[in-house]
Amino acid sequence: MSTERTQHRFGFVSSIISGLAILRRRPSSPGTAKASGEAGSSDGPGYETSDVHVGNTARVMAGLMVTALAVIGAMIWLKTMVSTDQRQALPSLTAQQTARLVPPPPNLQADPYADLAAERAAEGRQLDGYAFLDASRQRARIPIDRAMALTVGRTLDP
């Protein structure tokens, strides 16, 4: 923060404090207040009576509050009436709909390690073994290592 800004802030704070000190000062006699030009005394209502009609303002505020409460009440009443009519228009629930739902038991593996070993063995047989892929014995599956050895040095173009 720059020095100018700091001084500006302190100047603002000091002006607020001096203004509050002036407001706290009270004249020693009522004649002094009128002579010095300070406005207001403790005898009046504390506001400009010619500008604001407090009674009218209070009536308008009360009217707005009553109107808002009436609108909220009407919305709540309308919602309950519509909900009641809709609920009565629905058919009653069947026995199947009201029956208690019981979820099925979990499908757990009895021996997951044996299942995993069997799966790996089957995959190993497919990767490392020979087999025909079709019933007419036209296409065969060979191990990856053997296929790589057969294709080394040969082009893959047909």
N, C-alpha and C. Protein backbone atom coordinates (compact mmCIF):
# COMPACT_ATOMS: atom_id res chain seq x y z
N MET A 1 0.85 -1.16 0.00
CA MET A 1 0.00 0.00 0.00
C MET A 1 0.90 1.22 0.00
N SER A 2 0.58 2.18 -0.82
CA SER A 2 1.43 3.35 -0.94
C SER A 2 1.22 4.28 0.25
N THR A 3 2.17 5.21 0.41
CA THR A 3 2.12 6.15 1.53
C THR A 3 0.94 7.11 1.37
N GLU A 4 0.65 7.51 0.12
CA GLU A 4 -0.46 8.43 -0.11
C GLU A 4 -1.78 7.80 0.31
N ARG A 5 -1.96 6.53 -0.02
CA ARG A 5 -3.20 5.85 0.35
C ARG A 5 -3.33 5.71 1.84
N THR A 6 -2.23 5.39 2.50
CA THR A 6 -2.25 5.25 3.96
C THR A 6 -2.62 6.57 4.60
N GLN A 7 -2.02 7.66 4.13
CA GLN A 7 -2.34 8.97 4.69
C GLN A 7 -3.78 9.34 4.38
N HIS A 8 -4.26 8.97 3.20
CA HIS A 8 -5.63 9.27 2.83
C HIS A 8 -6.60 8.53 3.76
N ARG A 9 -6.30 7.27 4.07
CA ARG A 9 -7.16 6.51 4.97
C ARG A 9 -7.15 7.10 6.36
N PHE A 10 -5.98 7.44 6.85
CA PHE A 10 -5.91 8.03 8.19
C PHE A 10 -6.61 9.37 8.21
N GLY A 11 -6.54 10.13 7.13
CA GLY A 11 -7.25 11.40 7.05
C GLY A 11 -8.75 11.19 7.08
N PHE A 12 -9.23 10.13 6.42
CA PHE A 12 -10.65 9.81 6.41
C PHE A 12 -11.12 9.41 7.80
N VAL A 13 -10.33 8.57 8.48
CA VAL A 13 -10.68 8.14 9.83
C VAL A 13 -10.68 9.33 10.78
N SER A 14 -9.69 10.20 10.67
CA SER A 14 -9.64 11.35 11.58
C SER A 14 -10.80 12.30 11.32
N SER A 15 -11.23 12.44 10.07
CA SER A 15 -12.38 13.32 9.80
C SER A 15 -13.66 12.72 10.37
N ILE A 16 -13.80 11.41 10.35
CA ILE A 16 -14.97 10.77 10.96
C ILE A 16 -14.97 11.01 12.46
N ILE A 17 -13.82 10.84 13.09
CA ILE A 17 -13.73 11.03 14.54
C ILE A 17 -14.04 12.47 14.91
N SER A 18 -13.52 13.43 14.17
CA SER A 18 -13.80 14.84 14.50
C SER A 18 -15.27 15.16 14.27
N GLY A 19 -15.89 14.57 13.26
CA GLY A 19 -17.32 14.79 13.05
C GLY A 19 -18.15 14.24 14.18
N LEU A 20 -17.77 13.07 14.68
CA LEU A 20 -18.48 12.49 15.82
C LEU A 20 -18.30 13.34 17.07
N ALA A 21 -17.13 13.90 17.24
CA ALA A 21 -16.89 14.76 18.41
C ALA A 21 -17.76 16.01 18.34
N ILE A 22 -17.95 16.57 17.16
CA ILE A 22 -18.80 17.75 17.01
C ILE A 22 -20.25 17.39 17.31
N LEU A 23 -20.68 16.22 16.88
CA LEU A 23 -22.06 15.81 17.14
C LEU A 23 -22.31 15.57 18.62
N ARG A 24 -21.31 15.11 19.33
CA ARG A 24 -21.48 14.83 20.76
C ARG A 24 -21.54 16.11 21.58
N ARG A 25 -20.94 17.19 21.10
CA ARG A 25 -20.97 18.45 21.83
C ARG A 25 -22.39 18.98 21.90
N ARG A 26 -22.79 19.37 23.06
CA ARG A 26 -24.12 19.93 23.22
C ARG A 26 -23.99 21.39 23.65
N PRO A 27 -24.87 22.21 23.17
CA PRO A 27 -24.80 23.61 23.61
C PRO A 27 -25.20 23.73 25.08
N SER A 28 -24.64 24.71 25.74
CA SER A 28 -24.91 24.88 27.16
C SER A 28 -26.31 25.41 27.42
N SER A 29 -26.88 26.20 26.49
CA SER A 29 -28.23 26.71 26.68
C SER A 29 -28.96 26.67 25.34
N PRO A 30 -30.32 26.65 25.36
CA PRO A 30 -31.07 26.59 24.11
C PRO A 30 -30.82 27.80 23.23
N GLY A 31 -30.58 28.95 23.79
CA GLY A 31 -30.34 30.15 23.01
C GLY A 31 -29.04 30.06 22.23
N THR A 32 -28.04 29.41 22.78
CA THR A 32 -26.75 29.26 22.11
C THR A 32 -26.89 28.38 20.87
N ALA A 33 -27.73 27.35 20.96
CA ALA A 33 -27.91 26.45 19.82
C ALA A 33 -28.55 27.18 18.66
N LYS A 34 -29.54 28.02 18.96
CA LYS A 34 -30.20 28.74 17.88
C LYS A 34 -29.30 29.82 17.31
N ALA A 35 -28.49 30.40 18.16
CA ALA A 35 -27.60 31.46 17.70
C ALA A 35 -26.48 30.90 16.84
N SER A 36 -25.98 29.71 17.19
CA SER A 36 -24.87 29.16 16.42
C SER A 36 -25.33 28.51 15.13
N GLY A 37 -26.62 28.31 14.98
CA GLY A 37 -27.14 27.77 13.73
C GLY A 37 -27.27 26.26 13.73
N GLU A 38 -27.02 25.60 14.83
CA GLU A 38 -27.18 24.15 14.87
C GLU A 38 -28.66 23.81 14.85
N ALA A 39 -29.02 22.80 14.10
CA ALA A 39 -30.43 22.46 13.93
C ALA A 39 -30.87 21.44 14.96
N GLY A 40 -32.15 21.47 15.29
CA GLY A 40 -32.77 20.46 16.12
C GLY A 40 -32.60 20.68 17.60
N SER A 41 -33.57 20.21 18.33
CA SER A 41 -33.49 20.22 19.78
C SER A 41 -34.15 18.95 20.27
N SER A 42 -34.06 18.70 21.53
CA SER A 42 -34.61 17.45 22.07
C SER A 42 -36.11 17.54 22.28
N ASP A 43 -36.76 18.65 21.91
CA ASP A 43 -38.19 18.81 22.12
C ASP A 43 -39.02 18.16 21.02
N GLY A 44 -38.53 18.10 19.78
CA GLY A 44 -39.30 17.62 18.64
C GLY A 44 -39.34 16.11 18.55
N PRO A 45 -40.06 15.58 17.53
CA PRO A 45 -40.20 14.13 17.36
C PRO A 45 -38.92 13.45 16.87
N GLY A 46 -37.96 14.18 16.34
CA GLY A 46 -36.72 13.57 15.88
C GLY A 46 -36.68 13.36 14.38
N TYR A 47 -37.70 13.81 13.66
CA TYR A 47 -37.72 13.70 12.20
C TYR A 47 -38.52 14.87 11.65
N GLU A 48 -38.45 15.06 10.37
CA GLU A 48 -39.17 16.15 9.72
C GLU A 48 -40.64 15.75 9.62
N THR A 49 -41.48 16.40 10.38
CA THR A 49 -42.90 16.03 10.39
C THR A 49 -43.61 16.43 9.11
N SER A 50 -43.12 17.41 8.41
CA SER A 50 -43.78 17.85 7.18
C SER A 50 -43.44 16.94 5.99
N ASP A 51 -42.39 16.15 6.07
CA ASP A 51 -41.98 15.31 4.95
C ASP A 51 -42.53 13.88 5.03
N VAL A 52 -42.63 13.33 6.21
CA VAL A 52 -42.99 11.92 6.37
C VAL A 52 -44.23 11.82 7.24
N HIS A 53 -45.22 11.07 6.75
CA HIS A 53 -46.40 10.78 7.54
C HIS A 53 -46.26 9.34 8.02
N VAL A 54 -45.85 9.18 9.25
CA VAL A 54 -45.52 7.86 9.79
C VAL A 54 -46.75 6.97 9.82
N GLY A 55 -47.89 7.52 10.13
CA GLY A 55 -49.11 6.71 10.19
C GLY A 55 -49.44 6.10 8.84
N ASN A 56 -49.36 6.91 7.79
CA ASN A 56 -49.64 6.39 6.45
C ASN A 56 -48.61 5.33 6.04
N THR A 57 -47.37 5.57 6.37
CA THR A 57 -46.32 4.60 6.04
C THR A 57 -46.57 3.29 6.77
N ALA A 58 -46.96 3.36 8.03
CA ALA A 58 -47.24 2.14 8.80
C ALA A 58 -48.43 1.40 8.23
N ARG A 59 -49.47 2.13 7.80
CA ARG A 59 -50.65 1.48 7.21
C ARG A 59 -50.28 0.78 5.90
N VAL A 60 -49.49 1.43 5.08
CA VAL A 60 -49.07 0.81 3.81
C VAL A 60 -48.25 -0.44 4.07
N MET A 61 -47.33 -0.37 5.02
CA MET A 61 -46.50 -1.55 5.35
C MET A 61 -47.38 -2.68 5.89
N ALA A 62 -48.34 -2.36 6.75
CA ALA A 62 -49.25 -3.38 7.28
C ALA A 62 -50.09 -3.98 6.16
N GLY A 63 -50.55 -3.15 5.24
CA GLY A 63 -51.33 -3.66 4.11
C GLY A 63 -50.51 -4.60 3.23
N LEU A 64 -49.27 -4.24 2.98
CA LEU A 64 -48.40 -5.12 2.20
C LEU A 64 -48.17 -6.44 2.91
N MET A 65 -47.99 -6.40 4.23
CA MET A 65 -47.76 -7.63 4.98
C MET A 65 -49.00 -8.51 4.95
N VAL A 66 -50.18 -7.92 5.13
CA VAL A 66 -51.42 -8.70 5.08
C VAL A 66 -51.62 -9.30 3.69
N THR A 67 -51.34 -8.53 2.66
CA THR A 67 -51.47 -9.03 1.29
C THR A 67 -50.51 -10.20 1.03
N ALA A 68 -49.27 -10.06 1.47
CA ALA A 68 -48.29 -11.13 1.28
C ALA A 68 -48.72 -12.39 2.02
N LEU A 69 -49.19 -12.24 3.26
CA LEU A 69 -49.64 -13.40 4.03
C LEU A 69 -50.87 -14.04 3.39
N ALA A 70 -51.77 -13.22 2.84
CA ALA A 70 -52.96 -13.76 2.17
C ALA A 70 -52.56 -14.55 0.92
N VAL A 71 -51.62 -14.05 0.16
CA VAL A 71 -51.16 -14.76 -1.04
C VAL A 71 -50.49 -16.07 -0.66
N ILE A 72 -49.64 -16.05 0.36
CA ILE A 72 -48.97 -17.28 0.80
C ILE A 72 -50.00 -18.29 1.30
N GLY A 73 -50.97 -17.83 2.08
CA GLY A 73 -52.02 -18.72 2.57
C GLY A 73 -52.84 -19.31 1.44
N ALA A 74 -53.16 -18.49 0.43
CA ALA A 74 -53.93 -18.99 -0.72
C ALA A 74 -53.13 -20.04 -1.49
N MET A 75 -51.84 -19.84 -1.63
CA MET A 75 -51.01 -20.83 -2.35
C MET A 75 -50.97 -22.15 -1.58
N ILE A 76 -50.82 -22.08 -0.27
CA ILE A 76 -50.78 -23.31 0.54
C ILE A 76 -52.12 -24.03 0.46
N TRP A 77 -53.22 -23.29 0.58
CA TRP A 77 -54.55 -23.90 0.49
C TRP A 77 -54.76 -24.55 -0.87
N LEU A 78 -54.39 -23.84 -1.94
CA LEU A 78 -54.56 -24.37 -3.29
C LEU A 78 -53.72 -25.63 -3.49
N LYS A 79 -52.52 -25.64 -2.96
CA LYS A 79 -51.65 -26.82 -3.10
C LYS A 79 -52.26 -28.02 -2.39
N THR A 80 -52.78 -27.83 -1.18
CA THR A 80 -53.37 -28.96 -0.46
C THR A 80 -54.64 -29.45 -1.15
N MET A 81 -55.43 -28.54 -1.71
CA MET A 81 -56.65 -28.96 -2.39
C MET A 81 -56.32 -29.76 -3.66
N VAL A 82 -55.36 -29.30 -4.43
CA VAL A 82 -54.98 -30.01 -5.65
C VAL A 82 -54.37 -31.36 -5.30
N SER A 83 -53.53 -31.41 -4.28
CA SER A 83 -52.91 -32.68 -3.87
C SER A 83 -53.97 -33.67 -3.41
N THR A 84 -54.95 -33.19 -2.66
CA THR A 84 -56.02 -34.07 -2.18
C THR A 84 -56.83 -34.61 -3.36
N ASP A 85 -57.18 -33.75 -4.31
CA ASP A 85 -57.94 -34.20 -5.48
C ASP A 85 -57.15 -35.20 -6.30
N GLN A 86 -55.87 -34.97 -6.48
CA GLN A 86 -55.04 -35.89 -7.25
C GLN A 86 -54.90 -37.23 -6.53
N ARG A 87 -54.76 -37.19 -5.21
CA ARG A 87 -54.62 -38.42 -4.44
C ARG A 87 -55.90 -39.25 -4.51
N GLN A 88 -57.05 -38.59 -4.48
CA GLN A 88 -58.32 -39.31 -4.55
C GLN A 88 -58.55 -39.90 -5.93
N ALA A 89 -58.00 -39.28 -6.97
CA ALA A 89 -58.20 -39.77 -8.33
C ALA A 89 -57.34 -40.99 -8.64
N LEU A 90 -56.31 -41.25 -7.85
CA LEU A 90 -55.43 -42.39 -8.11
C LEU A 90 -56.11 -43.69 -7.69
N PRO A 91 -55.87 -44.80 -8.42
CA PRO A 91 -56.42 -46.09 -7.99
C PRO A 91 -55.67 -46.58 -6.75
N SER A 92 -56.32 -47.48 -6.02
CA SER A 92 -55.66 -48.01 -4.82
C SER A 92 -54.51 -48.93 -5.22
N LEU A 93 -53.57 -49.07 -4.33
CA LEU A 93 -52.38 -49.87 -4.62
C LEU A 93 -52.70 -51.35 -4.57
N THR A 94 -52.04 -52.12 -5.43
CA THR A 94 -52.24 -53.57 -5.46
C THR A 94 -51.38 -54.22 -4.37
N ALA A 95 -51.62 -55.50 -4.16
CA ALA A 95 -50.85 -56.23 -3.16
C ALA A 95 -49.37 -56.31 -3.55
N GLN A 96 -49.11 -56.41 -4.84
CA GLN A 96 -47.72 -56.46 -5.30
C GLN A 96 -47.01 -55.14 -5.02
N GLN A 97 -47.73 -54.02 -5.16
CA GLN A 97 -47.12 -52.72 -4.92
C GLN A 97 -46.88 -52.46 -3.44
N THR A 98 -47.69 -53.03 -2.58
CA THR A 98 -47.53 -52.79 -1.14
C THR A 98 -46.68 -53.86 -0.47
N ALA A 99 -46.33 -54.93 -1.18
CA ALA A 99 -45.53 -56.00 -0.58
C ALA A 99 -44.12 -55.49 -0.28
N ARG A 100 -43.54 -56.07 0.75
CA ARG A 100 -42.19 -55.67 1.13
C ARG A 100 -41.19 -56.27 0.14
N LEU A 101 -40.28 -55.44 -0.32
CA LEU A 101 -39.27 -55.89 -1.27
C LEU A 101 -38.09 -56.48 -0.51
N VAL A 102 -37.72 -57.69 -0.91
CA VAL A 102 -36.56 -58.35 -0.31
C VAL A 102 -35.54 -58.53 -1.42
N PRO A 103 -34.39 -57.92 -1.28
CA PRO A 103 -33.39 -58.06 -2.35
C PRO A 103 -32.83 -59.48 -2.39
N PRO A 104 -32.39 -59.92 -3.55
CA PRO A 104 -31.82 -61.27 -3.65
C PRO A 104 -30.48 -61.32 -2.92
N PRO A 105 -30.07 -62.52 -2.54
CA PRO A 105 -28.76 -62.63 -1.88
C PRO A 105 -27.64 -62.29 -2.87
N PRO A 106 -26.52 -61.87 -2.38
CA PRO A 106 -25.42 -61.52 -3.29
C PRO A 106 -24.86 -62.76 -3.98
N ASN A 107 -24.47 -62.59 -5.22
CA ASN A 107 -23.89 -63.69 -5.99
C ASN A 107 -22.38 -63.71 -5.75
N LEU A 108 -21.98 -64.34 -4.69
CA LEU A 108 -20.57 -64.40 -4.33
C LEU A 108 -19.94 -65.66 -4.90
N GLN A 109 -18.67 -65.58 -5.21
CA GLN A 109 -17.93 -66.74 -5.67
C GLN A 109 -17.56 -67.59 -4.46
N ALA A 110 -17.71 -68.89 -4.60
CA ALA A 110 -17.37 -69.78 -3.49
C ALA A 110 -15.86 -69.82 -3.29
N ASP A 111 -15.10 -69.90 -4.38
CA ASP A 111 -13.64 -69.94 -4.29
C ASP A 111 -13.07 -69.06 -5.41
N PRO A 112 -12.90 -67.77 -5.16
CA PRO A 112 -12.46 -66.87 -6.24
C PRO A 112 -11.06 -67.17 -6.75
N TYR A 113 -10.18 -67.68 -5.90
CA TYR A 113 -8.81 -67.97 -6.35
C TYR A 113 -8.79 -69.15 -7.31
N ALA A 114 -9.61 -70.15 -7.07
CA ALA A 114 -9.70 -71.29 -7.99
C ALA A 114 -10.31 -70.85 -9.32
N ASP A 115 -11.33 -69.98 -9.25
CA ASP A 115 -11.94 -69.47 -10.48
C ASP A 115 -10.92 -68.67 -11.30
N LEU A 116 -10.11 -67.86 -10.64
CA LEU A 116 -9.10 -67.07 -11.33
C LEU A 116 -8.03 -67.97 -11.95
N ALA A 117 -7.63 -69.01 -11.22
CA ALA A 117 -6.63 -69.93 -11.75
C ALA A 117 -7.17 -70.68 -12.97
N ALA A 118 -8.44 -71.09 -12.93
CA ALA A 118 -9.04 -71.78 -14.07
C ALA A 118 -9.14 -70.85 -15.28
N GLU A 119 -9.49 -69.59 -15.05
CA GLU A 119 -9.58 -68.62 -16.14
C GLU A 119 -8.21 -68.39 -16.78
N ARG A 120 -7.19 -68.26 -15.94
CA ARG A 120 -5.83 -68.05 -16.47
C ARG A 120 -5.34 -69.28 -17.23
N ALA A 121 -5.67 -70.46 -16.76
CA ALA A 121 -5.26 -71.69 -17.46
C ALA A 121 -5.93 -71.77 -18.83
N ALA A 122 -7.22 -71.40 -18.89
CA ALA A 122 -7.93 -71.44 -20.18
C ALA A 122 -7.33 -70.42 -21.15
N GLU A 123 -7.00 -69.24 -20.66
CA GLU A 123 -6.38 -68.23 -21.52
C GLU A 123 -4.99 -68.69 -21.97
N GLY A 124 -4.24 -69.33 -21.07
CA GLY A 124 -2.92 -69.84 -21.43
C GLY A 124 -3.00 -70.91 -22.50
N ARG A 125 -4.00 -71.80 -22.41
CA ARG A 125 -4.18 -72.84 -23.44
C ARG A 125 -4.51 -72.21 -24.79
N GLN A 126 -5.29 -71.12 -24.79
CA GLN A 126 -5.61 -70.46 -26.05
C GLN A 126 -4.39 -69.79 -26.65
N LEU A 127 -3.53 -69.18 -25.81
CA LEU A 127 -2.36 -68.47 -26.33
C LEU A 127 -1.24 -69.42 -26.74
N ASP A 128 -1.07 -70.52 -26.01
CA ASP A 128 0.09 -71.39 -26.23
C ASP A 128 -0.23 -72.68 -26.98
N GLY A 129 -1.48 -72.92 -27.28
CA GLY A 129 -1.84 -74.20 -27.91
C GLY A 129 -2.25 -74.04 -29.36
N TYR A 130 -2.38 -75.21 -30.01
CA TYR A 130 -2.83 -75.28 -31.40
C TYR A 130 -4.28 -75.72 -31.38
N ALA A 131 -5.08 -75.14 -32.28
CA ALA A 131 -6.49 -75.55 -32.39
C ALA A 131 -7.05 -75.03 -33.71
N PHE A 132 -8.09 -75.72 -34.19
CA PHE A 132 -8.80 -75.24 -35.38
C PHE A 132 -9.88 -74.26 -34.93
N LEU A 133 -10.07 -73.21 -35.73
CA LEU A 133 -11.04 -72.18 -35.38
C LEU A 133 -12.41 -72.43 -35.99
N ASP A 134 -12.51 -73.29 -37.01
CA ASP A 134 -13.79 -73.55 -37.64
C ASP A 134 -13.97 -75.05 -37.82
N ALA A 135 -15.20 -75.45 -38.10
CA ALA A 135 -15.52 -76.88 -38.23
C ALA A 135 -14.94 -77.48 -39.50
N SER A 136 -14.72 -76.71 -40.54
CA SER A 136 -14.19 -77.25 -41.79
C SER A 136 -12.66 -77.37 -41.75
N ARG A 137 -12.06 -77.02 -40.67
CA ARG A 137 -10.62 -77.12 -40.44
C ARG A 137 -9.82 -76.36 -41.50
N GLN A 138 -10.30 -75.16 -41.84
CA GLN A 138 -9.62 -74.31 -42.80
C GLN A 138 -8.73 -73.28 -42.10
N ARG A 139 -9.11 -72.88 -40.92
CA ARG A 139 -8.35 -71.87 -40.18
C ARG A 139 -7.89 -72.48 -38.86
N ALA A 140 -6.63 -72.17 -38.51
CA ALA A 140 -6.07 -72.74 -37.29
C ALA A 140 -5.48 -71.63 -36.42
N ARG A 141 -5.42 -71.94 -35.13
CA ARG A 141 -4.81 -71.01 -34.19
C ARG A 141 -3.48 -71.63 -33.76
N ILE A 142 -2.41 -70.79 -33.82
CA ILE A 142 -1.09 -71.27 -33.41
C ILE A 142 -0.57 -70.33 -32.33
N PRO A 143 0.41 -70.78 -31.54
CA PRO A 143 0.95 -69.92 -30.49
C PRO A 143 1.59 -68.67 -31.07
N ILE A 144 1.61 -67.61 -30.29
CA ILE A 144 2.14 -66.32 -30.74
C ILE A 144 3.62 -66.43 -31.08
N ASP A 145 4.39 -67.14 -30.25
CA ASP A 145 5.83 -67.26 -30.52
C ASP A 145 6.08 -67.96 -31.86
N ARG A 146 5.33 -69.01 -32.16
CA ARG A 146 5.50 -69.73 -33.43
C ARG A 146 5.10 -68.84 -34.61
N ALA A 147 4.03 -68.05 -34.45
CA ALA A 147 3.59 -67.16 -35.53
C ALA A 147 4.63 -66.09 -35.79
N MET A 148 5.28 -65.58 -34.75
CA MET A 148 6.32 -64.57 -34.93
C MET A 148 7.53 -65.18 -35.63
N ALA A 149 7.89 -66.41 -35.28
CA ALA A 149 9.04 -67.05 -35.92
C ALA A 149 8.77 -67.32 -37.40
N LEU A 150 7.54 -67.67 -37.74
CA LEU A 150 7.20 -67.94 -39.13
C LEU A 150 7.20 -66.67 -39.98
N THR A 151 6.86 -65.54 -39.39
CA THR A 151 6.76 -64.30 -40.18
C THR A 151 8.05 -63.50 -40.22
N VAL A 152 9.07 -63.88 -39.47
CA VAL A 152 10.33 -63.13 -39.48
C VAL A 152 10.99 -63.32 -40.84
N GLY A 153 11.35 -62.22 -41.47
CA GLY A 153 12.03 -62.26 -42.75
C GLY A 153 11.10 -62.36 -43.94
N ARG A 154 9.82 -62.47 -43.73
CA ARG A 154 8.87 -62.55 -44.84
C ARG A 154 8.05 -61.27 -44.87
N THR A 155 7.67 -60.86 -46.03
CA THR A 155 6.81 -59.68 -46.13
C THR A 155 5.38 -60.08 -45.79
N LEU A 156 4.63 -59.12 -45.33
CA LEU A 156 3.23 -59.39 -44.97
C LEU A 156 2.28 -59.09 -46.12
N ASP A 157 2.83 -58.66 -47.26
CA ASP A 157 1.98 -58.40 -48.42
C ASP A 157 1.48 -59.72 -48.99
N PRO A 158 0.24 -59.80 -49.46
CA PRO A 158 -0.29 -61.07 -50.00
C PRO A 158 0.25 -61.44 -51.35
